[in-house]
N, C-alpha and C. Protein backbone atom coordinates (compact mmCIF):
# COMPACT_ATOMS: atom_id res chain seq x y z
N MET A 1 -7.44 7.31 5.07
CA MET A 1 -6.99 7.84 3.91
C MET A 1 -7.31 6.34 3.03
N LYS A 2 -6.93 7.02 1.24
CA LYS A 2 -7.20 5.94 0.51
C LYS A 2 -6.28 5.80 -0.68
N ILE A 3 -6.17 4.74 -1.55
CA ILE A 3 -5.24 4.46 -2.31
C ILE A 3 -5.67 5.18 -3.21
N LYS A 4 -5.17 5.61 -4.57
CA LYS A 4 -5.48 6.72 -5.17
C LYS A 4 -5.83 5.98 -6.46
N ASP A 5 -7.16 6.19 -6.89
CA ASP A 5 -7.43 5.38 -8.36
C ASP A 5 -6.05 5.93 -9.33
N GLY A 6 -5.99 5.01 -10.42
CA GLY A 6 -5.21 4.92 -11.47
C GLY A 6 -3.83 3.73 -10.90
N PHE A 7 -3.68 3.62 -10.26
CA PHE A 7 -2.41 2.81 -9.46
C PHE A 7 -2.54 1.37 -9.34
N VAL A 8 -2.08 0.69 -9.86
CA VAL A 8 -2.15 -0.79 -9.53
C VAL A 8 -1.25 -1.70 -9.06
N LEU A 9 -0.95 -2.51 -8.69
CA LEU A 9 -0.17 -3.20 -8.42
C LEU A 9 0.16 -4.85 -9.31
N ARG A 10 1.22 -4.41 -9.54
CA ARG A 10 1.75 -6.13 -10.67
C ARG A 10 2.52 -6.64 -9.78
N GLU A 11 2.87 -7.98 -10.99
CA GLU A 11 3.97 -8.60 -10.40
C GLU A 11 4.62 -8.59 -11.60
N ILE A 12 6.26 -8.32 -11.31
CA ILE A 12 6.74 -8.23 -12.60
C ILE A 12 8.53 -9.00 -12.12
N CYS A 13 8.57 -9.75 -12.82
CA CYS A 13 9.60 -10.61 -12.02
C CYS A 13 10.03 -11.00 -10.70
N GLY A 14 9.28 -11.26 -10.26
CA GLY A 14 8.63 -11.73 -8.97
C GLY A 14 8.88 -10.61 -7.77
N GLU A 15 8.48 -9.45 -8.52
CA GLU A 15 8.71 -8.55 -7.51
C GLU A 15 6.94 -7.86 -7.26
N ASN A 16 7.01 -7.25 -6.63
CA ASN A 16 5.29 -6.64 -6.56
C ASN A 16 5.74 -5.03 -6.45
N ILE A 17 5.13 -4.55 -8.06
CA ILE A 17 5.38 -2.93 -8.34
C ILE A 17 4.01 -2.36 -8.25
N VAL A 18 3.98 -1.43 -7.90
CA VAL A 18 3.01 -0.34 -8.18
C VAL A 18 3.28 0.71 -9.10
N ALA A 19 2.46 1.02 -10.16
CA ALA A 19 2.49 1.85 -11.33
C ALA A 19 1.30 2.42 -11.48
N GLY A 20 1.57 3.90 -12.31
CA GLY A 20 0.25 4.44 -12.61
C GLY A 20 0.33 4.38 -13.73
N GLU A 21 -1.60 4.05 -14.12
CA GLU A 21 -2.15 3.61 -15.20
C GLU A 21 -3.13 4.89 -15.48
N GLY A 22 -2.87 5.43 -17.23
CA GLY A 22 -3.70 6.19 -17.50
C GLY A 22 -3.24 7.95 -17.78
N LEU A 23 -4.07 8.65 -18.56
CA LEU A 23 -3.45 10.03 -18.92
C LEU A 23 -3.24 10.86 -17.51
N GLU A 24 -4.20 10.72 -16.67
CA GLU A 24 -4.04 11.25 -15.34
C GLU A 24 -2.44 11.02 -14.63
N HIS A 25 -1.89 9.85 -14.88
CA HIS A 25 -0.66 9.70 -14.50
C HIS A 25 0.49 9.61 -15.24
N ILE A 26 0.30 10.18 -16.23
CA ILE A 26 1.60 10.66 -17.52
C ILE A 26 2.75 10.75 -16.54
N ASN A 27 2.73 11.68 -15.71
CA ASN A 27 3.71 12.41 -15.17
C ASN A 27 4.54 11.77 -14.17
N PHE A 28 4.01 10.44 -13.67
CA PHE A 28 4.21 9.65 -12.58
C PHE A 28 5.35 8.35 -13.17
N ASN A 29 6.31 9.17 -13.14
CA ASN A 29 7.52 8.08 -13.83
C ASN A 29 8.42 7.45 -12.75
N LYS A 30 8.01 6.94 -11.51
CA LYS A 30 8.72 6.21 -11.07
C LYS A 30 7.71 4.48 -10.64
N LEU A 31 8.57 3.59 -10.44
CA LEU A 31 8.00 2.43 -9.77
C LEU A 31 8.07 2.36 -8.41
N ILE A 32 7.22 1.55 -7.46
CA ILE A 32 7.14 1.46 -6.43
C ILE A 32 7.19 0.00 -5.94
N SER A 33 7.98 -0.48 -5.49
CA SER A 33 8.11 -1.39 -4.79
C SER A 33 7.70 -2.08 -3.71
N LEU A 34 6.48 -3.40 -3.72
CA LEU A 34 6.29 -3.46 -2.11
C LEU A 34 6.61 -4.82 -1.40
N ASN A 35 6.94 -5.15 -0.29
CA ASN A 35 7.32 -6.16 -0.06
C ASN A 35 5.72 -7.04 -0.30
N SER A 36 6.29 -8.55 0.76
CA SER A 36 4.87 -9.05 0.59
C SER A 36 4.01 -8.72 1.39
N SER A 37 4.10 -8.24 2.50
CA SER A 37 2.96 -7.44 3.40
C SER A 37 2.48 -6.59 3.28
N ALA A 38 3.11 -5.90 2.64
CA ALA A 38 2.62 -4.15 1.88
C ALA A 38 1.39 -5.08 0.96
N ALA A 39 1.97 -5.45 0.02
CA ALA A 39 0.93 -6.16 -1.19
C ALA A 39 0.01 -6.73 -0.91
N PHE A 40 0.16 -7.41 0.08
CA PHE A 40 -0.96 -8.23 0.72
C PHE A 40 -1.65 -6.80 1.52
N LEU A 41 -1.04 -5.81 1.91
CA LEU A 41 -2.20 -4.81 2.91
C LEU A 41 -3.03 -3.85 1.10
N TRP A 42 -2.31 -3.99 0.09
CA TRP A 42 -2.81 -3.19 -0.91
C TRP A 42 -3.94 -3.68 -1.80
N LYS A 43 -3.65 -5.15 -1.69
CA LYS A 43 -5.06 -6.00 -2.14
C LYS A 43 -6.17 -5.82 -1.08
N GLN A 44 -5.65 -5.99 -0.05
CA GLN A 44 -6.58 -5.95 1.11
C GLN A 44 -7.84 -4.44 0.87
N LEU A 45 -6.72 -3.58 0.79
CA LEU A 45 -7.27 -2.13 0.99
C LEU A 45 -7.95 -1.30 -0.15
N ILE A 46 -7.49 -1.91 -1.59
CA ILE A 46 -7.49 -1.00 -2.79
C ILE A 46 -9.46 -0.47 -2.83
N GLY A 47 -9.39 0.53 -3.01
CA GLY A 47 -10.85 0.82 -3.03
C GLY A 47 -11.92 1.32 -1.81
N LYS A 48 -10.95 1.26 -0.56
CA LYS A 48 -11.51 1.48 0.22
C LYS A 48 -10.94 2.21 1.44
N GLU A 49 -11.85 3.22 2.13
CA GLU A 49 -11.32 4.04 2.95
C GLU A 49 -10.65 3.47 4.33
N PHE A 50 -9.12 3.80 4.80
CA PHE A 50 -8.28 2.99 5.77
C PHE A 50 -7.83 3.68 6.52
N SER A 51 -7.28 3.37 7.62
CA SER A 51 -6.80 4.41 8.37
C SER A 51 -5.42 2.98 8.97
N ALA A 52 -4.28 3.56 9.85
CA ALA A 52 -3.27 2.74 10.31
C ALA A 52 -3.66 1.59 10.99
N GLU A 53 -4.61 1.78 11.82
CA GLU A 53 -5.32 0.95 12.72
C GLU A 53 -5.68 -0.54 11.77
N ASP A 54 -6.72 -0.15 10.74
CA ASP A 54 -7.18 -0.75 9.59
C ASP A 54 -5.94 -2.32 9.14
N MET A 55 -5.00 -1.46 8.80
CA MET A 55 -3.52 -1.76 8.34
C MET A 55 -3.28 -2.92 9.24
N ALA A 56 -3.25 -2.10 10.68
CA ALA A 56 -2.36 -2.92 11.81
C ALA A 56 -3.61 -4.53 12.20
N ASP A 57 -5.01 -3.99 12.17
CA ASP A 57 -5.55 -5.15 12.32
C ASP A 57 -5.79 -6.02 11.24
N LEU A 58 -5.21 -6.12 10.01
CA LEU A 58 -5.29 -6.72 8.93
C LEU A 58 -3.76 -7.58 9.14
N LEU A 59 -2.79 -6.72 9.33
CA LEU A 59 -1.50 -7.64 9.72
C LEU A 59 -1.41 -8.10 10.71
N VAL A 60 -2.41 -8.29 12.14
CA VAL A 60 -1.91 -9.25 13.33
C VAL A 60 -2.73 -9.92 12.94
N ALA A 61 -3.93 -10.26 12.01
CA ALA A 61 -4.94 -11.55 11.46
C ALA A 61 -4.34 -12.39 10.77
N GLU A 62 -3.42 -11.65 9.15
CA GLU A 62 -2.47 -12.60 8.90
C GLU A 62 -1.24 -13.00 9.25
N TYR A 63 -0.46 -12.32 9.78
CA TYR A 63 0.47 -12.79 10.39
C TYR A 63 0.66 -13.01 11.77
N GLY A 64 -0.33 -12.73 12.91
CA GLY A 64 0.16 -12.89 14.37
C GLY A 64 0.73 -12.71 15.04
N ILE A 65 1.04 -11.11 14.39
CA ILE A 65 2.05 -10.36 14.94
C ILE A 65 1.81 -9.41 16.06
N ASP A 66 2.42 -8.68 17.12
CA ASP A 66 1.89 -7.61 17.91
C ASP A 66 1.21 -6.88 17.55
N LYS A 67 0.10 -6.14 17.88
CA LYS A 67 -0.36 -5.29 17.45
C LYS A 67 0.57 -3.49 17.66
N GLU A 68 1.36 -3.44 18.70
CA GLU A 68 2.03 -2.43 18.82
C GLU A 68 3.17 -2.13 17.65
N LEU A 69 3.37 -3.43 17.62
CA LEU A 69 4.37 -3.33 15.88
C LEU A 69 4.00 -3.09 15.04
N ALA A 70 2.79 -3.97 14.54
CA ALA A 70 1.64 -3.88 13.20
C ALA A 70 1.49 -2.31 12.90
N LEU A 71 0.95 -1.65 14.24
CA LEU A 71 0.61 -0.26 14.08
C LEU A 71 1.81 0.52 13.30
N LYS A 72 2.91 0.30 14.57
CA LYS A 72 3.93 1.25 14.16
C LYS A 72 4.50 0.85 12.28
N ASP A 73 4.47 -0.30 12.10
CA ASP A 73 4.53 -0.47 10.68
C ASP A 73 3.85 0.11 9.73
N SER A 74 2.45 -0.15 10.24
CA SER A 74 1.13 0.72 9.47
C SER A 74 1.85 2.43 9.13
N GLU A 75 1.97 2.72 10.32
CA GLU A 75 1.80 3.98 10.36
C GLU A 75 2.86 4.64 9.08
N THR A 76 4.20 3.49 9.34
CA THR A 76 5.33 4.18 8.25
C THR A 76 5.11 4.43 6.75
N LEU A 77 4.13 2.88 6.84
CA LEU A 77 3.37 2.83 5.29
C LEU A 77 2.77 3.59 4.77
N CYS A 78 1.65 4.07 5.86
CA CYS A 78 0.63 4.69 5.53
C CYS A 78 1.68 6.69 4.93
N ASN A 79 2.65 6.51 6.09
CA ASN A 79 3.69 8.24 5.78
C ASN A 79 4.18 7.53 4.04
N ALA A 80 4.72 6.54 3.88
CA ALA A 80 5.14 6.08 2.41
C ALA A 80 4.33 5.95 1.45
N TRP A 81 3.45 5.72 1.39
CA TRP A 81 2.56 5.87 0.16
C TRP A 81 2.00 7.17 -0.07
N THR A 82 1.58 8.17 1.40
CA THR A 82 1.16 9.28 0.93
C THR A 82 2.76 10.45 0.41
N ASN A 83 3.91 9.95 0.45
CA ASN A 83 4.71 10.67 0.43
C ASN A 83 5.30 10.45 -1.08
N ALA A 84 5.00 9.20 -1.42
CA ALA A 84 5.21 8.66 -2.85
C ALA A 84 3.96 9.39 -3.74
N GLY A 85 2.76 9.77 -3.50
CA GLY A 85 1.75 9.98 -4.05
C GLY A 85 0.64 8.77 -4.66
N ILE A 86 0.66 8.43 -3.67
CA ILE A 86 0.05 6.96 -4.12
C ILE A 86 -1.31 6.81 -3.32
N ALA A 87 -1.35 7.23 -2.15
CA ALA A 87 -2.64 7.58 -1.66
C ALA A 87 -2.58 8.78 -1.36
N GLU A 88 -3.75 8.86 -0.65
CA GLU A 88 -4.36 10.07 0.20
C GLU A 88 -5.24 10.12 1.53
């Protein structure tokens, strides 16, 4: 999967927010808040093809968590990003 072009991560009032930029996202009328680990993944993956497995590897390397838990969380995040329309 890949994060769609035209979406940016910004820090607004201490929150990590994904918003659409440009005319192609004029109908994208929502802001998506990311926790710190999801924001970390966004920064690592922007502009790259990736899988839930790739995300899990990044989480294990950064936070030292269990691979099984990291993969479960990564799959959940992939689904959330796809359902929100910010990744495909």
